[in-house]
Amino acid sequence: MIMVYLAEDQSMLNSALTQLLELEDDLHVVGSATDGTAAWQDLQRLQPNVAILDIEMPGMTGLDVADCLHTRQPATKVIILTTFAQQRYFERAVNAQVAGYLLKDSPSDELIAATRSVMTGQTIYAPELVTNMLSADKNPLTERELAVLTEAEKGLPTKTIAVNLYLSPGTTRNYLSAIFSKLGVHNRLEAIRVAKTNQWL
């Protein structure tokens, strides 16, 4: 019997998924929650085989809970269930070594199959997410360059950016030049547009 825990902040969906999973002879829902903080407390106590977690929840997010499970309770396999096909969410889930990442509009049979598959050591990711991940441009900017661009987005002059980041004006100008070169743009506005389009800012 596979012991499953479900965390989903929409009460109706939470109940529907619980009933769906309970129809399977080899699956048993040992608990559920509608917020991440309660889910994490339950998970430490119940120690289920699989935790199915929504990303956006009150308190701790599903990814926060996944991070905690990865570092403190790795025996519990995590399946992220979400409406968000965003690269930054997916990257964080991969870093937390979640066993599954499915979209909520996936057929229910896929969730049931994934719950069984992760118990055999398989990793199940929705194809749409993998495609997005592989096609997305990687962020070429360093942490310091991103900090400079974040200040530039506020419309601040170079001297003010330098003061805020404890840099000299010359160094700040060098960072801006490096940003423009890496992004293939000619000015701050173009650089900010490219960075925001790719969700780097």
C-alpha atoms as a PDB file:
ATOM      1  CA  MET A   1       0.000   0.000   0.000  1.00  0.00           C
ATOM      2  CA  ILE A   2       1.328   3.431  -1.003  1.00  0.00           C
ATOM      3  CA  MET A   3       0.675   6.047   1.671  1.00  0.00           C
ATOM      4  CA  VAL A   4      -0.106   9.410   0.082  1.00  0.00           C
ATOM      5  CA  TYR A   5      -0.387  12.902   1.551  1.00  0.00           C
ATOM      6  CA  LEU A   6      -2.153  15.674  -0.376  1.00  0.00           C
ATOM      7  CA  ALA A   7      -1.673  19.426   0.020  1.00  0.00           C
ATOM      8  CA  GLU A   8      -3.939  21.575  -2.163  1.00  0.00           C
ATOM      9  CA  ASP A   9      -5.338  24.954  -1.145  1.00  0.00           C
ATOM     10  CA  GLN A  10      -8.579  24.647  -3.136  1.00  0.00           C
ATOM     11  CA  SER A  11     -10.860  22.679  -0.825  1.00  0.00           C
ATOM     12  CA  MET A  12     -13.053  21.237  -3.571  1.00  0.00           C
ATOM     13  CA  LEU A  13     -10.087  20.043  -5.608  1.00  0.00           C
ATOM     14  CA  ASN A  14      -8.469  18.685  -2.441  1.00  0.00           C
ATOM     15  CA  SER A  15     -11.569  16.605  -1.678  1.00  0.00           C
ATOM     16  CA  ALA A  16     -11.965  15.446  -5.285  1.00  0.00           C
ATOM     17  CA  LEU A  17      -8.351  14.302  -5.545  1.00  0.00           C
ATOM     18  CA  THR A  18      -8.545  12.552  -2.187  1.00  0.00           C
ATOM     19  CA  GLN A  19     -11.604  10.592  -3.314  1.00  0.00           C
ATOM     20  CA  LEU A  20     -10.001   9.802  -6.663  1.00  0.00           C
ATOM     21  CA  LEU A  21      -6.832   8.415  -5.076  1.00  0.00           C
ATOM     22  CA  GLU A  22      -8.795   6.426  -2.509  1.00  0.00           C
ATOM     23  CA  LEU A  23     -10.587   4.562  -5.310  1.00  0.00           C
ATOM     24  CA  GLU A  24      -7.297   2.827  -6.125  1.00  0.00           C
ATOM     25  CA  ASP A  25      -6.703  -0.434  -4.246  1.00  0.00           C
ATOM     26  CA  ASP A  26      -3.003   0.251  -3.704  1.00  0.00           C
ATOM     27  CA  LEU A  27      -3.228   3.939  -2.692  1.00  0.00           C
ATOM     28  CA  HIS A  28      -4.278   5.347   0.672  1.00  0.00           C
ATOM     29  CA  VAL A  29      -4.507   9.067   1.527  1.00  0.00           C
ATOM     30  CA  VAL A  30      -3.193   9.372   5.085  1.00  0.00           C
ATOM     31  CA  GLY A  31      -3.856  13.109   5.380  1.00  0.00           C
ATOM     32  CA  SER A  32      -4.393  16.402   3.588  1.00  0.00           C
ATOM     33  CA  ALA A  33      -4.057  20.126   4.117  1.00  0.00           C
ATOM     34  CA  THR A  34      -5.013  23.376   2.414  1.00  0.00           C
ATOM     35  CA  ASP A  35      -1.895  25.314   3.469  1.00  0.00           C
ATOM     36  CA  GLY A  36       1.798  24.531   3.281  1.00  0.00           C
ATOM     37  CA  THR A  37       2.687  25.120   6.922  1.00  0.00           C
ATOM     38  CA  ALA A  38       0.107  22.600   8.145  1.00  0.00           C
ATOM     39  CA  ALA A  39       1.239  20.195   5.435  1.00  0.00           C
ATOM     40  CA  TRP A  40       4.871  20.310   6.584  1.00  0.00           C
ATOM     41  CA  GLN A  41       3.847  19.665  10.193  1.00  0.00           C
ATOM     42  CA  ASP A  42       1.692  16.702   9.110  1.00  0.00           C
ATOM     43  CA  LEU A  43       4.371  15.281   6.828  1.00  0.00           C
ATOM     44  CA  GLN A  44       6.924  15.130   9.630  1.00  0.00           C
ATOM     45  CA  ARG A  45       4.451  13.212  11.773  1.00  0.00           C
ATOM     46  CA  LEU A  46       2.897  10.929   9.161  1.00  0.00           C
ATOM     47  CA  GLN A  47       6.014  10.098   7.086  1.00  0.00           C
ATOM     48  CA  PRO A  48       4.039   9.146   3.935  1.00  0.00           C
ATOM     49  CA  ASN A  49       5.563   7.462   0.890  1.00  0.00           C
ATOM     50  CA  VAL A  50       4.419  10.215  -1.487  1.00  0.00           C
ATOM     51  CA  ALA A  51       3.510  13.878  -0.954  1.00  0.00           C
ATOM     52  CA  ILE A  52       1.437  15.551  -3.685  1.00  0.00           C
ATOM     53  CA  LEU A  53       1.908  19.297  -3.275  1.00  0.00           C
ATOM     54  CA  ASP A  54       0.345  22.322  -4.924  1.00  0.00           C
ATOM     55  CA  ILE A  55       2.837  25.145  -5.564  1.00  0.00           C
ATOM     56  CA  GLU A  56       0.774  28.176  -4.533  1.00  0.00           C
ATOM     57  CA  MET A  57      -0.515  27.735  -0.972  1.00  0.00           C
ATOM     58  CA  PRO A  58      -0.873  29.964   2.097  1.00  0.00           C
ATOM     59  CA  GLY A  59       2.017  29.802   4.535  1.00  0.00           C
ATOM     60  CA  MET A  60       4.744  27.662   3.010  1.00  0.00           C
ATOM     61  CA  THR A  61       4.517  27.084  -0.733  1.00  0.00           C
ATOM     62  CA  GLY A  62       4.659  23.606  -2.185  1.00  0.00           C
ATOM     63  CA  LEU A  63       8.243  24.278  -3.242  1.00  0.00           C
ATOM     64  CA  ASP A  64       9.138  25.373   0.304  1.00  0.00           C
ATOM     65  CA  VAL A  65       7.765  22.078   1.590  1.00  0.00           C
ATOM     66  CA  ALA A  66       9.592  20.175  -1.158  1.00  0.00           C
ATOM     67  CA  ASP A  67      12.866  21.824  -0.116  1.00  0.00           C
ATOM     68  CA  CYS A  68      12.295  20.756   3.503  1.00  0.00           C
ATOM     69  CA  LEU A  69      11.471  17.196   2.498  1.00  0.00           C
ATOM     70  CA  HIS A  70      14.554  17.013   0.285  1.00  0.00           C
ATOM     71  CA  THR A  71      16.903  18.020   3.086  1.00  0.00           C
ATOM     72  CA  ARG A  72      15.161  16.530   6.137  1.00  0.00           C
ATOM     73  CA  GLN A  73      12.860  13.736   4.972  1.00  0.00           C
ATOM     74  CA  PRO A  74      14.183  12.413   1.644  1.00  0.00           C
ATOM     75  CA  ALA A  75      12.333   9.082   1.915  1.00  0.00           C
ATOM     76  CA  THR A  76       9.075  10.886   1.077  1.00  0.00           C
ATOM     77  CA  LYS A  77       8.766  11.246  -2.691  1.00  0.00           C
ATOM     78  CA  VAL A  78       7.369  14.577  -3.887  1.00  0.00           C
ATOM     79  CA  ILE A  79       5.016  15.215  -6.789  1.00  0.00           C
ATOM     80  CA  ILE A  80       4.351  18.877  -7.557  1.00  0.00           C
ATOM     81  CA  LEU A  81       0.886  19.539  -8.988  1.00  0.00           C
ATOM     82  CA  THR A  82       0.434  23.001 -10.444  1.00  0.00           C
ATOM     83  CA  THR A  83      -1.264  25.264 -12.946  1.00  0.00           C
ATOM     84  CA  PHE A  84       2.022  27.151 -13.449  1.00  0.00           C
ATOM     85  CA  ALA A  85       4.228  26.056 -16.357  1.00  0.00           C
ATOM     86  CA  GLN A  86       6.894  28.601 -15.423  1.00  0.00           C
ATOM     87  CA  GLN A  87      10.585  27.962 -15.882  1.00  0.00           C
ATOM     88  CA  ARG A  88      11.638  29.431 -12.540  1.00  0.00           C
ATOM     89  CA  TYR A  89       9.238  27.162 -10.639  1.00  0.00           C
ATOM     90  CA  PHE A  90      10.352  24.134 -12.596  1.00  0.00           C
ATOM     91  CA  GLU A  91      14.047  24.886 -12.047  1.00  0.00           C
ATOM     92  CA  ARG A  92      13.513  25.161  -8.301  1.00  0.00           C
ATOM     93  CA  ALA A  93      11.565  21.901  -8.276  1.00  0.00           C
ATOM     94  CA  VAL A  94      14.408  20.169 -10.128  1.00  0.00           C
ATOM     95  CA  ASN A  95      16.903  21.553  -7.602  1.00  0.00           C
ATOM     96  CA  ALA A  96      14.742  20.116  -4.806  1.00  0.00           C
ATOM     97  CA  GLN A  97      14.918  16.781  -6.662  1.00  0.00           C
ATOM     98  CA  VAL A  98      11.141  16.335  -6.797  1.00  0.00           C
ATOM     99  CA  ALA A  99      10.116  12.994  -8.256  1.00  0.00           C
ATOM    100  CA  GLY A 100       7.224  14.365 -10.287  1.00  0.00           C
ATOM    101  CA  TYR A 101       5.989  17.670 -11.682  1.00  0.00           C
ATOM    102  CA  LEU A 102       2.549  17.611 -13.319  1.00  0.00           C
ATOM    103  CA  LEU A 103       0.105  20.235 -14.520  1.00  0.00           C
ATOM    104  CA  LYS A 104      -3.342  20.294 -12.927  1.00  0.00           C
ATOM    105  CA  ASP A 105      -5.047  19.965 -16.293  1.00  0.00           C
ATOM    106  CA  SER A 106      -3.311  16.636 -16.878  1.00  0.00           C
ATOM    107  CA  PRO A 107      -5.649  13.614 -16.952  1.00  0.00           C
ATOM    108  CA  SER A 108      -6.250  12.126 -13.500  1.00  0.00           C
ATOM    109  CA  ASP A 109      -4.908   8.797 -14.736  1.00  0.00           C
ATOM    110  CA  GLU A 110      -1.493  10.456 -15.175  1.00  0.00           C
ATOM    111  CA  LEU A 111      -1.403  11.531 -11.527  1.00  0.00           C
ATOM    112  CA  ILE A 112      -2.314   8.022 -10.364  1.00  0.00           C
ATOM    113  CA  ALA A 113       0.281   6.446 -12.655  1.00  0.00           C
ATOM    114  CA  ALA A 114       2.917   8.968 -11.532  1.00  0.00           C
ATOM    115  CA  THR A 115       2.203   8.195  -7.879  1.00  0.00           C
ATOM    116  CA  ARG A 116       3.002   4.546  -8.538  1.00  0.00           C
ATOM    117  CA  SER A 117       5.973   5.290 -10.801  1.00  0.00           C
ATOM    118  CA  VAL A 118       7.835   7.530  -8.369  1.00  0.00           C
ATOM    119  CA  MET A 119       7.804   4.677  -5.861  1.00  0.00           C
ATOM    120  CA  THR A 120       9.887   2.625  -8.304  1.00  0.00           C
ATOM    121  CA  GLY A 121      12.483   5.373  -8.577  1.00  0.00           C
ATOM    122  CA  GLN A 122      11.200   6.960 -11.772  1.00  0.00           C
ATOM    123  CA  THR A 123      11.047  10.724 -12.331  1.00  0.00           C
ATOM    124  CA  ILE A 124       7.886  11.980 -14.013  1.00  0.00           C
ATOM    125  CA  TYR A 125       7.828  15.481 -15.513  1.00  0.00           C
ATOM    126  CA  ALA A 126       5.056  16.885 -17.720  1.00  0.00           C
ATOM    127  CA  PRO A 127       6.390  17.049 -21.305  1.00  0.00           C
ATOM    128  CA  GLU A 128       5.358  20.713 -21.634  1.00  0.00           C
ATOM    129  CA  LEU A 129       7.615  21.650 -18.728  1.00  0.00           C
ATOM    130  CA  VAL A 130      10.641  19.820 -20.087  1.00  0.00           C
ATOM    131  CA  THR A 131      10.160  21.466 -23.486  1.00  0.00           C
ATOM    132  CA  ASN A 132       9.941  24.907 -21.878  1.00  0.00           C
ATOM    133  CA  MET A 133      13.042  24.218 -19.807  1.00  0.00           C
ATOM    134  CA  LEU A 134      15.123  23.089 -22.767  1.00  0.00           C
ATOM    135  CA  SER A 135      14.016  25.939 -25.036  1.00  0.00           C
ATOM    136  CA  ALA A 136      14.353  28.719 -22.468  1.00  0.00           C
ATOM    137  CA  ASP A 137      17.377  30.977 -22.725  1.00  0.00           C
ATOM    138  CA  LYS A 138      19.762  30.597 -19.819  1.00  0.00           C
ATOM    139  CA  ASN A 139      20.524  33.718 -17.838  1.00  0.00           C
ATOM    140  CA  PRO A 140      23.988  34.917 -18.933  1.00  0.00           C
ATOM    141  CA  LEU A 141      24.175  37.655 -16.285  1.00  0.00           C
ATOM    142  CA  THR A 142      26.163  37.340 -13.076  1.00  0.00           C
ATOM    143  CA  GLU A 143      24.606  38.078  -9.696  1.00  0.00           C
ATOM    144  CA  ARG A 144      26.336  41.455  -9.574  1.00  0.00           C
ATOM    145  CA  GLU A 145      25.197  42.362 -13.100  1.00  0.00           C
ATOM    146  CA  LEU A 146      21.639  41.480 -12.141  1.00  0.00           C
ATOM    147  CA  ALA A 147      21.940  43.721  -9.083  1.00  0.00           C
ATOM    148  CA  VAL A 148      23.082  46.619 -11.284  1.00  0.00           C
ATOM    149  CA  LEU A 149      20.251  46.012 -13.744  1.00  0.00           C
ATOM    150  CA  THR A 150      17.724  45.821 -10.916  1.00  0.00           C
ATOM    151  CA  GLU A 151      18.844  49.262  -9.736  1.00  0.00           C
ATOM    152  CA  ALA A 152      18.779  50.557 -13.309  1.00  0.00           C
ATOM    153  CA  GLU A 153      15.170  49.363 -13.630  1.00  0.00           C
ATOM    154  CA  LYS A 154      14.281  51.896 -10.911  1.00  0.00           C
ATOM    155  CA  GLY A 155      15.412  54.668 -13.236  1.00  0.00           C
ATOM    156  CA  LEU A 156      18.410  55.576 -11.097  1.00  0.00           C
ATOM    157  CA  PRO A 157      21.454  57.368 -12.573  1.00  0.00           C
ATOM    158  CA  THR A 158      24.791  55.586 -12.693  1.00  0.00           C
ATOM    159  CA  LYS A 159      26.213  57.479  -9.707  1.00  0.00           C
ATOM    160  CA  THR A 160      23.264  56.532  -7.494  1.00  0.00           C
ATOM    161  CA  ILE A 161      23.483  52.887  -8.562  1.00  0.00           C
ATOM    162  CA  ALA A 162      27.182  52.961  -7.670  1.00  0.00           C
ATOM    163  CA  VAL A 163      26.451  54.370  -4.197  1.00  0.00           C
ATOM    164  CA  ASN A 164      23.644  51.860  -3.537  1.00  0.00           C
ATOM    165  CA  LEU A 165      25.830  48.893  -4.510  1.00  0.00           C
ATOM    166  CA  TYR A 166      29.073  50.228  -2.970  1.00  0.00           C
ATOM    167  CA  LEU A 167      30.761  50.449  -6.358  1.00  0.00           C
ATOM    168  CA  SER A 168      32.662  53.191  -8.129  1.00  0.00           C
ATOM    169  CA  PRO A 169      30.860  54.946 -11.007  1.00  0.00           C
ATOM    170  CA  GLY A 170      33.449  53.565 -13.425  1.00  0.00           C
ATOM    171  CA  THR A 171      32.894  49.982 -12.264  1.00  0.00           C
ATOM    172  CA  THR A 172      29.149  50.465 -12.538  1.00  0.00           C
ATOM    173  CA  ARG A 173      29.528  51.694 -16.125  1.00  0.00           C
ATOM    174  CA  ASN A 174      31.677  48.635 -16.870  1.00  0.00           C
ATOM    175  CA  TYR A 175      28.950  46.348 -15.516  1.00  0.00           C
ATOM    176  CA  LEU A 176      26.346  48.092 -17.673  1.00  0.00           C
ATOM    177  CA  SER A 177      28.552  47.725 -20.753  1.00  0.00           C
ATOM    178  CA  ALA A 178      29.001  44.017 -19.994  1.00  0.00           C
ATOM    179  CA  ILE A 179      25.231  43.607 -19.626  1.00  0.00           C
ATOM    180  CA  PHE A 180      24.558  45.321 -22.962  1.00  0.00           C
ATOM    181  CA  SER A 181      27.181  43.159 -24.673  1.00  0.00           C
ATOM    182  CA  LYS A 182      25.855  39.872 -23.242  1.00  0.00           C
ATOM    183  CA  LEU A 183      22.244  40.679 -24.110  1.00  0.00           C
ATOM    184  CA  GLY A 184      23.010  42.164 -27.519  1.00  0.00           C
ATOM    185  CA  VAL A 185      21.329  45.474 -26.710  1.00  0.00           C
ATOM    186  CA  HIS A 186      22.321  49.129 -26.821  1.00  0.00           C
ATOM    187  CA  ASN A 187      20.766  50.714 -23.754  1.00  0.00           C
ATOM    188  CA  ARG A 188      19.224  50.135 -20.337  1.00  0.00           C
ATOM    189  CA  LEU A 189      15.621  50.009 -21.520  1.00  0.00           C
ATOM    190  CA  GLU A 190      16.392  47.249 -24.019  1.00  0.00           C
ATOM    191  CA  ALA A 191      18.396  45.330 -21.415  1.00  0.00           C
ATOM    192  CA  ILE A 192      15.554  45.548 -18.877  1.00  0.00           C
ATOM    193  CA  ARG A 193      13.020  44.420 -21.504  1.00  0.00           C
ATOM    194  CA  VAL A 194      15.092  41.349 -22.427  1.00  0.00           C
ATOM    195  CA  ALA A 195      15.729  40.444 -18.784  1.00  0.00           C
ATOM    196  CA  LYS A 196      12.048  40.770 -17.827  1.00  0.00           C
ATOM    197  CA  THR A 197      10.859  38.836 -20.861  1.00  0.00           C
ATOM    198  CA  ASN A 198      13.105  35.946 -19.822  1.00  0.00           C
ATOM    199  CA  GLN A 199      12.061  36.291 -16.155  1.00  0.00           C
ATOM    200  CA  TRP A 200      15.616  37.074 -15.021  1.00  0.00           C
ATOM    201  CA  LEU A 201      14.388  40.188 -13.208  1.00  0.00           C
END
